[in-house]
């Protein structure tokens, strides 16, 4: 059945407005992290992992199309905070992505099966785990897990574990920094097949402050930038691997530096270029340069900065504090900014001049904390999964960034050209409508093959069947022949 599902090529039409809340799940808030799980149930939509703060409700896997719970692990009671859960490559060889978690009470690194939620391995730690990331080997199925642990408020240790076994790979020792986060890149600068990682150092002094890039597998230092006060950083993969650093109260305020050669691409003393967060994105302005654009953001402001020369114009100003930003391409091949605030999600066009913060959608419960993208056959552009922590909010909601897709009347053609049953457009919001050109016995199954409906349909009869959101197969009951696929939204 799965093979048939993958071969289906349907012509789709757009039907609704965007953005909008598609579903909510987990009635009690307290969720602080969401990650894409890949398509675990074969319905054409990525599913998602969701984790609560420690001591709350645990770790979940949810159906990305419906919000139904696929599994729930309440033995792992949650994670330290946003950034302490990551999807990793398949480490238990069952063909699906797996999951790594960082906790502080008790301190530990745990990996879970993405398919079942069961613990694969557990590595107790001496200090609270405040951040986890993953690096992968481009030449094999190797996985390494990067960890930031808190020695005290101003000191952290960065280290790496073997993703398959939990064995230690390298450690930095104590580093003075107020940062907990780790940046990763897929670039393999050292040539050993492993991607790199970076972090900020000592954000509280000028002479000792800086940003460091290391080989993710060996810990070897590949690049560093010193003398930046209260610095933040990001690293870019392609076309040219480079390091962007923004610092407060010290010149240069911002610079971009090639990791490969160590040369400074550009630097600026413009105080408008100091931000608490930097995120590299692809070239979206139509100008082909070796350096991607940069999103600088803090509080309620976002600025788009050209990566090759530091050019910028106007700032996005949102009505609430920003939690996360990212970008994606919409159905019209236009770049959109994805911005999550505590109360709303926004997806305006990414432009330098006169940016607008619309369109937007209000979150249920006004407690946005984290977001991730989910690809779906039922939508032209990604769904946005949002974790919400407020006690009055649901734990997770999923938002659309484009109009849903449904099967049009002329394109709902039978896979068997001699079929005597046609699938009509409802437009597939709450069920399916069939019309028969001859008497026929019908089965409707979900994507797993479970029978949902079984009925007879007479010549010229039109039958409507109400169905929950999902992907369904319509079969001839006598022959078992697949007649149609229907997406119900």
Protein backbone atom coordinates (compact mmCIF):
# COMPACT_ATOMS: atom_id res chain seq x y z
CA UNK A 1 0.00 0.00 0.00
CA UNK A 2 2.83 2.41 0.89
CA UNK A 3 4.45 1.88 -2.52
CA UNK A 4 1.17 2.62 -4.27
CA UNK A 5 0.78 5.75 -2.14
CA UNK A 6 4.21 6.99 -3.15
CA UNK A 7 3.55 6.46 -6.88
CA UNK A 8 0.31 8.43 -6.93
CA UNK A 9 0.52 11.67 -8.93
CA UNK A 10 -2.54 13.83 -8.39
CA UNK A 11 -3.25 17.28 -9.77
CA UNK A 12 -4.15 19.53 -6.83
CA UNK A 13 -5.97 22.84 -6.42
CA UNK A 14 -5.70 25.56 -3.79
CA UNK A 15 -8.75 26.23 -1.68
CA UNK A 16 -8.31 28.33 1.47
CA UNK A 17 -6.73 31.39 3.06
CA UNK A 18 -3.53 31.51 5.12
CA UNK A 19 -2.11 31.43 7.68
CA UNK A 20 -4.41 29.54 10.04
CA UNK A 21 -4.45 27.17 12.99
CA UNK A 22 -5.00 23.64 11.67
CA UNK A 23 -5.11 21.71 14.96
CA UNK A 24 -4.19 21.84 18.63
CA UNK A 25 -3.15 18.97 20.91
CA UNK A 26 -2.15 18.16 24.50
CA UNK A 27 -4.67 20.26 26.44
CA UNK A 28 -2.22 21.28 29.19
CA UNK A 29 0.57 23.66 28.17
CA UNK A 30 4.12 23.24 29.39
CA UNK A 31 5.73 22.23 26.08
CA UNK A 32 9.04 23.97 25.36
CA UNK A 33 10.47 22.20 22.30
CA UNK A 34 9.22 20.73 19.02
CA UNK A 35 11.24 18.88 16.36
CA UNK A 36 10.35 17.33 13.00
CA UNK A 37 10.16 13.53 13.25
CA UNK A 38 9.86 12.73 9.54
CA UNK A 39 6.84 10.84 8.19
CA UNK A 40 6.46 7.95 10.64
CA UNK A 41 3.02 6.75 9.55
CA UNK A 42 3.27 7.18 5.77
CA UNK A 43 0.43 9.69 5.37
CA UNK A 44 2.52 12.19 3.39
CA UNK A 45 2.98 14.67 6.27
CA UNK A 46 5.95 14.94 8.62
CA UNK A 47 5.14 14.03 12.20
CA UNK A 48 6.65 15.82 15.20
CA UNK A 49 8.33 15.26 18.54
CA UNK A 50 7.26 17.53 21.42
CA UNK A 51 8.82 17.79 24.88
CA UNK A 52 7.64 19.48 28.05
CA UNK A 53 9.75 21.26 30.61
CA UNK A 54 11.15 18.89 33.22
CA UNK A 55 8.68 17.48 35.72
CA UNK A 56 5.65 18.22 33.53
CA UNK A 57 4.17 15.70 31.09
CA UNK A 58 7.09 14.10 29.24
CA UNK A 59 7.96 13.54 25.59
CA UNK A 60 5.45 12.93 22.78
CA UNK A 61 5.31 12.01 19.12
CA UNK A 62 2.29 13.51 17.35
CA UNK A 63 0.73 12.94 13.93
CA UNK A 64 1.60 16.07 11.94
CA UNK A 65 -1.64 15.99 9.96
CA UNK A 66 -4.11 15.43 12.81
CA UNK A 67 -2.36 15.97 16.16
CA UNK A 68 -3.16 12.41 17.30
CA UNK A 69 -0.66 10.95 19.77
CA UNK A 70 1.56 8.30 18.13
CA UNK A 71 3.47 7.58 21.35
CA UNK A 72 4.04 9.13 24.77
CA UNK A 73 7.03 8.54 27.07
CA UNK A 74 6.16 9.79 30.57
CA UNK A 75 9.11 8.01 32.20
CA UNK A 76 11.30 10.78 30.77
CA UNK A 77 9.46 13.65 32.44
CA UNK A 78 10.71 16.41 30.11
CA UNK A 79 13.82 18.42 29.20
CA UNK A 80 15.69 21.38 30.65
CA UNK A 81 14.36 23.84 28.04
CA UNK A 82 14.19 24.82 24.38
CA UNK A 83 17.26 23.49 22.58
CA UNK A 84 17.54 20.36 24.72
CA UNK A 85 15.81 18.06 22.21
CA UNK A 86 17.03 17.25 18.69
CA UNK A 87 16.04 14.86 15.94
CA UNK A 88 19.05 12.74 14.94
CA UNK A 89 19.75 10.23 12.19
CA UNK A 90 18.68 6.62 12.65
CA UNK A 91 20.90 5.12 15.39
CA UNK A 92 18.85 1.98 16.13
CA UNK A 93 18.70 0.93 12.43
CA UNK A 94 14.90 0.70 12.22
CA UNK A 95 14.73 3.09 9.26
CA UNK A 96 13.39 6.14 11.15
CA UNK A 97 14.85 9.26 12.74
CA UNK A 98 15.63 9.06 16.45
CA UNK A 99 15.77 11.63 19.24
CA UNK A 100 18.32 12.99 21.75
CA UNK A 101 17.30 14.75 24.98
CA UNK A 102 19.20 16.77 27.60
CA UNK A 103 18.01 16.99 31.22
CA UNK A 104 19.19 18.69 34.40
CA UNK A 105 17.17 16.85 37.08
CA UNK A 106 18.91 14.43 37.10
CA UNK A 107 21.61 15.53 34.61
CA UNK A 108 21.65 13.13 31.66
CA UNK A 109 21.78 12.65 27.91
CA UNK A 110 19.18 10.20 26.59
CA UNK A 111 18.40 8.91 23.12
CA UNK A 112 14.92 7.66 22.27
CA UNK A 113 13.59 5.62 19.37
CA UNK A 114 11.70 7.96 17.06
CA UNK A 115 9.35 5.13 16.13
CA UNK A 116 8.43 3.91 19.63
CA UNK A 117 9.72 6.44 22.18
CA UNK A 118 11.70 3.78 24.04
CA UNK A 119 15.13 4.69 25.48
CA UNK A 120 18.04 3.51 23.29
CA UNK A 121 20.83 4.57 25.65
CA UNK A 122 21.15 6.75 28.73
CA UNK A 123 24.30 8.67 29.75
CA UNK A 124 24.21 10.20 33.27
CA UNK A 125 26.13 13.49 33.57
CA UNK A 126 27.81 15.38 36.42
CA UNK A 127 26.34 18.78 35.55
CA UNK A 128 22.97 20.04 34.24
CA UNK A 129 22.60 19.72 30.45
CA UNK A 130 21.50 23.06 28.99
CA UNK A 131 21.75 22.46 25.23
CA UNK A 132 22.20 19.64 22.71
CA UNK A 133 22.95 19.60 18.99
CA UNK A 134 23.96 16.98 16.46
CA UNK A 135 26.64 16.69 13.83
CA UNK A 136 26.76 13.96 11.21
CA UNK A 137 29.31 12.30 9.03
CA UNK A 138 28.76 12.96 5.34
CA UNK A 139 30.56 9.76 4.29
CA UNK A 140 28.84 7.26 6.61
CA UNK A 141 25.88 6.88 8.96
CA UNK A 142 27.87 8.30 11.89
CA UNK A 143 26.22 10.66 14.36
CA UNK A 144 27.85 12.77 17.08
CA UNK A 145 25.94 14.61 19.80
CA UNK A 146 27.17 18.01 20.99
CA UNK A 147 26.40 19.01 24.57
CA UNK A 148 26.58 22.19 26.65
CA UNK A 149 26.55 21.65 30.43
CA UNK A 150 26.35 24.32 33.13
CA UNK A 151 29.18 24.43 35.68
CA UNK A 152 27.78 27.64 37.17
CA UNK A 153 26.01 30.71 35.79
CA UNK A 154 29.04 32.01 33.83
CA UNK A 155 30.89 28.78 32.95
CA UNK A 156 30.04 25.93 30.61
CA UNK A 157 31.67 22.80 29.23
CA UNK A 158 31.17 21.93 25.55
CA UNK A 159 31.75 18.30 24.57
CA UNK A 160 30.73 15.57 22.12
CA UNK A 161 29.42 12.01 22.46
CA UNK A 162 29.23 9.16 19.97
CA UNK A 163 25.60 9.13 18.89
CA UNK A 164 25.41 5.35 18.54
CA UNK A 165 26.90 4.46 21.91
CA UNK A 166 27.06 7.56 24.12
CA UNK A 167 30.85 7.19 24.48
CA UNK A 168 32.74 10.50 24.97
CA UNK A 169 34.63 11.94 21.97
CA UNK A 170 36.13 15.24 23.24
CA UNK A 171 35.63 18.01 25.79
CA UNK A 172 36.66 21.68 26.08
CA UNK A 173 36.95 21.90 29.84
CA UNK A 174 35.38 24.90 31.58
CA UNK A 175 34.79 27.97 29.37
CA UNK A 176 33.65 31.36 30.60
CA UNK A 177 30.47 32.17 28.66
CA UNK A 178 26.91 33.24 29.35
CA UNK A 179 25.75 31.31 26.28
CA UNK A 180 24.28 27.83 26.36
CA UNK A 181 23.68 27.37 22.63
CA UNK A 182 25.78 25.65 19.98
CA UNK A 183 25.78 26.45 16.25
CA UNK A 184 26.35 23.71 13.68
CA UNK A 185 27.27 23.62 9.98
CA UNK A 186 27.32 20.85 7.41
CA UNK A 187 30.60 22.16 5.97
CA UNK A 188 33.53 19.74 6.33
CA UNK A 189 36.48 22.13 6.65
CA UNK A 190 38.86 19.63 8.23
CA UNK A 191 38.21 17.02 5.53
CA UNK A 192 37.38 14.19 7.93
CA UNK A 193 33.76 13.88 6.79
CA UNK A 194 32.23 15.52 9.89
CA UNK A 195 30.46 18.86 10.13
CA UNK A 196 31.57 21.67 12.42
CA UNK A 197 30.23 23.47 15.51
CA UNK A 198 30.65 26.92 17.03
CA UNK A 199 29.94 28.82 20.24
CA UNK A 200 30.46 32.22 21.85
CA UNK A 201 33.14 32.74 24.53
CA UNK A 202 33.03 35.06 27.58
CA UNK A 203 30.31 37.50 26.64
CA UNK A 204 31.19 39.71 29.63
CA UNK A 205 34.66 41.07 28.76
CA UNK A 206 36.38 42.59 25.74
CA UNK A 207 39.87 41.09 25.80
CA UNK A 208 38.79 37.49 26.41
CA UNK A 209 35.58 37.51 24.42
CA UNK A 210 35.22 35.81 21.07
CA UNK A 211 33.66 33.08 18.96
CA UNK A 212 35.13 29.66 18.21
CA UNK A 213 34.51 27.08 15.44
CA UNK A 214 35.61 23.49 16.08
CA UNK A 215 35.54 20.20 14.19
CA UNK A 216 32.40 18.51 15.48
CA UNK A 217 33.98 15.06 15.82
CA UNK A 218 37.51 15.82 17.07
CA UNK A 219 37.04 19.19 18.77
CA UNK A 220 39.98 20.69 16.84
CA UNK A 221 39.78 24.53 16.69
CA UNK A 222 39.35 25.62 13.06
CA UNK A 223 38.62 29.34 13.50
CA UNK A 224 38.35 31.91 16.26
CA UNK A 225 37.49 35.58 16.54
CA UNK A 226 38.69 37.44 19.64
CA UNK A 227 38.12 40.82 21.32
CA UNK A 228 34.34 41.08 21.03
CA UNK A 229 32.29 42.23 24.00
CA UNK A 230 29.00 40.42 24.63
CA UNK A 231 29.31 38.72 21.24
CA UNK A 232 26.86 36.44 19.46
CA UNK A 233 27.61 34.38 16.36
CA UNK A 234 26.40 32.07 13.59
CA UNK A 235 28.24 29.99 10.99
CA UNK A 236 27.30 29.62 7.34
CA UNK A 237 27.66 26.51 5.16
CA UNK A 238 27.66 27.64 1.57
CA UNK A 239 28.62 28.73 -0.92
CA UNK A 240 31.57 29.81 1.28
CA UNK A 241 31.86 28.71 4.94
CA UNK A 242 32.03 31.84 7.08
CA UNK A 243 31.56 33.15 10.60
CA UNK A 244 29.36 36.13 11.52
CA UNK A 245 29.91 37.87 14.86
CA UNK A 246 27.91 40.70 16.38
CA UNK A 247 29.16 42.45 19.54
CA UNK A 248 27.94 45.24 21.81
CA UNK A 249 29.95 48.35 22.74
CA UNK A 250 33.09 47.41 20.82
CA UNK A 251 34.37 48.01 17.29
CA UNK A 252 33.70 46.38 14.96
CA UNK A 253 30.08 45.95 16.00
CA UNK A 254 29.64 43.26 13.34
CA UNK A 255 31.92 41.34 11.01
CA UNK A 256 31.86 38.38 8.61
CA UNK A 257 34.99 36.25 8.46
CA UNK A 258 35.91 33.38 6.12
CA UNK A 259 36.46 30.19 8.13
CA UNK A 260 38.54 28.69 5.31
CA UNK A 261 41.07 31.53 4.90
CA UNK A 262 40.61 33.47 8.15
CA UNK A 263 40.25 36.74 6.23
CA UNK A 264 37.61 39.33 7.17
CA UNK A 265 35.00 39.70 4.42
CA UNK A 266 33.58 42.92 5.90
CA UNK A 267 33.22 44.69 9.21
CA UNK A 268 31.11 47.60 10.47
CA UNK A 269 30.98 49.89 13.50
CA UNK A 270 27.26 50.58 12.89
CA UNK A 271 25.55 50.13 16.26
CA UNK A 272 22.33 49.12 14.48
CA UNK A 273 24.07 45.83 13.66
CA UNK A 274 24.28 44.61 17.25
CA UNK A 275 21.86 41.75 17.89
CA UNK A 276 21.42 39.09 20.53
CA UNK A 277 20.75 36.49 17.82
CA UNK A 278 22.15 35.90 14.32
CA UNK A 279 20.79 33.41 11.78
CA UNK A 280 22.27 32.76 8.35
CA UNK A 281 19.75 32.18 5.55
CA UNK A 282 20.27 31.56 1.79
CA UNK A 283 20.69 34.36 -0.75
CA UNK A 284 17.13 35.64 -1.06
CA UNK A 285 17.68 39.05 -2.71
CA UNK A 286 18.38 37.77 -6.21
CA UNK A 287 22.05 38.76 -6.02
CA UNK A 288 24.40 35.82 -6.35
CA UNK A 289 27.23 36.17 -3.81
CA UNK A 290 29.45 33.66 -1.97
CA UNK A 291 27.78 34.63 1.32
CA UNK A 292 24.22 34.09 2.46
CA UNK A 293 22.01 36.76 3.98
CA UNK A 294 21.90 37.21 7.76
CA UNK A 295 18.89 37.73 10.01
CA UNK A 296 19.79 39.75 13.10
CA UNK A 297 17.11 39.76 15.76
CA UNK A 298 16.44 40.71 19.36
CA UNK A 299 13.41 41.69 21.42
CA UNK A 300 10.72 42.57 18.80
CA UNK A 301 13.03 43.62 15.91
CA UNK A 302 14.37 41.67 12.91
CA UNK A 303 16.84 43.06 10.34
CA UNK A 304 17.79 41.47 7.02
CA UNK A 305 21.52 42.01 6.33
CA UNK A 306 23.33 41.23 3.08
CA UNK A 307 26.11 38.76 3.82
CA UNK A 308 28.73 39.98 1.33
CA UNK A 309 28.84 43.67 2.33
CA UNK A 310 26.58 44.31 5.36
CA UNK A 311 23.97 46.28 3.40
CA UNK A 312 20.57 46.71 5.12
CA UNK A 313 17.57 49.05 4.93
CA UNK A 314 14.44 48.79 7.08
CA UNK A 315 13.68 46.75 10.20
CA UNK A 316 10.75 44.42 10.82
CA UNK A 317 9.05 45.60 14.02
CA UNK A 318 6.74 43.08 15.67
CA UNK A 319 4.25 43.93 18.44
CA UNK A 320 5.66 41.24 20.80
CA UNK A 321 8.99 39.73 21.75
CA UNK A 322 10.34 37.27 19.18
CA UNK A 323 10.97 33.64 20.17
CA UNK A 324 12.33 32.24 16.88
CA UNK A 325 12.85 33.20 13.23
CA UNK A 326 13.41 31.17 10.06
CA UNK A 327 12.45 31.43 6.38
CA UNK A 328 10.87 29.36 3.61
CA UNK A 329 9.74 29.61 -0.04
CA UNK A 330 6.00 29.98 -0.62
CA UNK A 331 3.88 28.50 -3.43
CA UNK A 332 4.70 31.52 -5.61
CA UNK A 333 8.47 30.94 -5.23
CA UNK A 334 8.77 33.99 -2.96
CA UNK A 335 10.88 34.02 0.22
CA UNK A 336 8.91 34.41 3.45
CA UNK A 337 10.08 35.20 6.95
CA UNK A 338 8.71 32.84 9.61
CA UNK A 339 8.63 34.70 12.93
CA UNK A 340 7.20 33.28 16.16
CA UNK A 341 6.37 35.63 19.01
CA UNK A 342 4.83 34.73 22.34
CA UNK A 343 1.34 35.46 21.02
CA UNK A 344 1.38 35.19 17.20
CA UNK A 345 3.01 33.67 14.14
CA UNK A 346 3.93 35.90 11.16
CA UNK A 347 4.95 35.00 7.61
CA UNK A 348 5.64 38.27 5.72
CA UNK A 349 7.70 38.57 2.55
CA UNK A 350 11.46 38.85 3.08
CA UNK A 351 12.42 42.24 1.66
CA UNK A 352 14.98 44.98 2.39
CA UNK A 353 12.67 47.95 1.81
CA UNK A 354 9.52 48.83 3.80
CA UNK A 355 8.88 45.36 5.28
CA UNK A 356 5.42 44.58 6.62
CA UNK A 357 4.81 42.11 9.47
CA UNK A 358 1.59 40.71 7.97
CA UNK A 359 0.13 38.18 7.38
CA UNK A 360 -0.22 36.77 10.88
CA UNK A 361 -2.27 34.40 13.02
CA UNK A 362 -2.92 34.59 16.77
CA UNK A 363 -1.78 31.56 18.72
CA UNK A 364 -4.30 29.72 20.89
CA UNK A 365 -3.36 30.56 24.46
CA UNK A 366 -0.73 33.23 23.63
CA UNK A 367 2.23 31.19 24.87
CA UNK A 368 4.50 30.40 21.91
CA UNK A 369 7.88 28.99 22.87
CA UNK A 370 9.44 27.06 19.96
CA UNK A 371 8.64 26.12 16.34
CA UNK A 372 9.70 23.73 13.59
CA UNK A 373 8.74 23.12 9.94
CA UNK A 374 6.76 20.08 8.76
CA UNK A 375 6.60 19.19 5.05
CA UNK A 376 3.25 17.84 3.87
CA UNK A 377 1.75 16.48 0.66
CA UNK A 378 -1.50 18.15 1.70
CA UNK A 379 -0.02 21.69 1.67
CA UNK A 380 2.06 23.61 -0.84
CA UNK A 381 4.43 25.02 1.81
CA UNK A 382 5.53 23.83 5.25
CA UNK A 383 3.28 23.52 8.26
CA UNK A 384 4.57 25.23 11.41
CA UNK A 385 4.48 23.23 14.64
CA UNK A 386 4.53 25.44 17.75
CA UNK A 387 5.28 24.46 21.36
CA UNK A 388 3.32 26.46 23.96
CA UNK A 389 4.10 26.67 27.66
CA UNK A 390 1.36 28.79 29.21
CA UNK A 391 -0.93 26.92 31.61
CA UNK A 392 -4.03 28.22 29.81
CA UNK A 393 -2.77 27.10 26.38
CA UNK A 394 -2.75 23.77 24.56
CA UNK A 395 0.68 22.18 24.51
CA UNK A 396 1.12 22.15 20.72
CA UNK A 397 -0.57 23.71 17.73
CA UNK A 398 0.11 23.38 14.00
CA UNK A 399 -0.32 26.31 11.64
CA UNK A 400 -0.57 26.39 7.86
CA UNK A 401 1.66 28.72 5.85
CA UNK A 402 -0.25 28.14 2.60
CA UNK A 403 -3.66 27.11 1.41
CA UNK A 404 -4.46 23.43 1.89
CA UNK A 405 -4.52 21.16 -1.13
CA UNK A 406 -7.52 19.08 -2.13
CA UNK A 407 -8.34 16.84 -5.06
CA UNK A 408 -10.14 18.64 -7.86
CA UNK A 409 -13.10 16.97 -9.60
CA UNK A 410 -11.32 16.59 -12.93
CA UNK A 411 -8.11 15.30 -11.36
CA UNK A 412 -9.56 12.75 -8.95
CA UNK A 413 -9.18 10.19 -11.70
CA UNK A 414 -9.18 6.48 -11.09
CA UNK A 415 -5.91 4.60 -11.03
CA UNK A 416 -7.79 2.04 -13.10
CA UNK A 417 -9.12 3.87 -16.15
CA UNK A 418 -12.12 1.53 -16.33
CA UNK A 419 -13.36 2.44 -12.83
CA UNK A 420 -17.07 3.15 -12.61
CA UNK A 421 -16.78 5.33 -9.51
CA UNK A 422 -15.69 8.97 -9.55
CA UNK A 423 -14.36 11.00 -6.64
CA UNK A 424 -15.89 14.48 -6.44
CA UNK A 425 -14.49 17.58 -4.78
CA UNK A 426 -16.29 18.47 -1.52
CA UNK A 427 -13.76 20.23 -1.50
CA UNK A 428 -12.47 17.42 0.75
CA UNK A 429 -12.86 19.37 3.96
CA UNK A 430 -14.88 16.96 6.11
CA UNK A 431 -15.19 13.81 4.03
CA UNK A 432 -15.41 12.34 0.54
CA UNK A 433 -18.13 12.29 -2.11
CA UNK A 434 -18.41 9.46 -4.66
CA UNK A 435 -20.70 9.06 -7.66
CA UNK A 436 -21.17 5.71 -9.44
CA UNK A 437 -21.65 4.99 -13.10
CA UNK A 438 -22.52 1.38 -12.24
CA UNK A 439 -23.26 -0.70 -9.15
CA UNK A 440 -20.13 -1.23 -7.02
CA UNK A 441 -18.94 -2.41 -3.61
CA UNK A 442 -16.58 0.05 -1.93
CA UNK A 443 -13.99 -0.07 0.86
CA UNK A 444 -12.41 3.03 2.38
CA UNK A 445 -9.17 2.43 4.32
CA UNK A 446 -6.75 4.73 6.09
CA UNK A 447 -3.09 4.89 5.06
CA UNK A 448 -2.25 1.88 7.27
CA UNK A 449 -4.82 -0.31 5.47
CA UNK A 450 -7.38 -0.31 8.31
CA UNK A 451 -10.96 -0.41 6.95
CA UNK A 452 -12.86 2.78 7.86
CA UNK A 453 -16.00 2.37 5.71
CA UNK A 454 -17.57 -0.49 3.71
CA UNK A 455 -20.68 0.19 1.62
CA UNK A 456 -22.51 -0.41 -1.66
CA UNK A 457 -23.13 2.32 -4.22
CA UNK A 458 -25.72 2.09 -7.02
CA UNK A 459 -25.58 3.44 -10.55
CA UNK A 460 -25.93 7.27 -10.65
CA UNK A 461 -26.03 7.37 -6.83
CA UNK A 462 -24.00 10.06 -5.05
CA UNK A 463 -22.69 9.11 -1.61
CA UNK A 464 -21.02 11.35 0.96
CA UNK A 465 -18.97 9.84 3.82
CA UNK A 466 -17.85 12.08 6.67
CA UNK A 467 -14.25 11.29 7.65
CA UNK A 468 -11.68 12.71 10.08
CA UNK A 469 -8.66 14.58 8.75
CA UNK A 470 -6.29 12.16 7.02
CA UNK A 471 -5.31 10.35 3.83
CA UNK A 472 -7.59 7.57 2.60
CA UNK A 473 -7.62 4.84 -0.03
CA UNK A 474 -10.81 3.99 -1.93
CA UNK A 475 -10.86 0.38 -3.14
CA UNK A 476 -13.11 -1.95 -5.12
CA UNK A 477 -14.32 -4.36 -2.42
CA UNK A 478 -14.50 -7.38 -4.73
CA UNK A 479 -11.15 -7.07 -6.52
CA UNK A 480 -9.17 -5.06 -3.96
CA UNK A 481 -8.23 -2.64 -6.77
CA UNK A 482 -7.17 0.84 -5.69
CA UNK A 483 -9.54 3.37 -7.25
CA UNK A 484 -8.66 6.71 -5.67
CA UNK A 485 -6.68 8.43 -2.95
CA UNK A 486 -8.45 11.19 -1.01
CA UNK A 487 -6.99 13.85 1.28
CA UNK A 488 -9.46 15.06 3.90
CA UNK A 489 -8.51 18.34 5.58
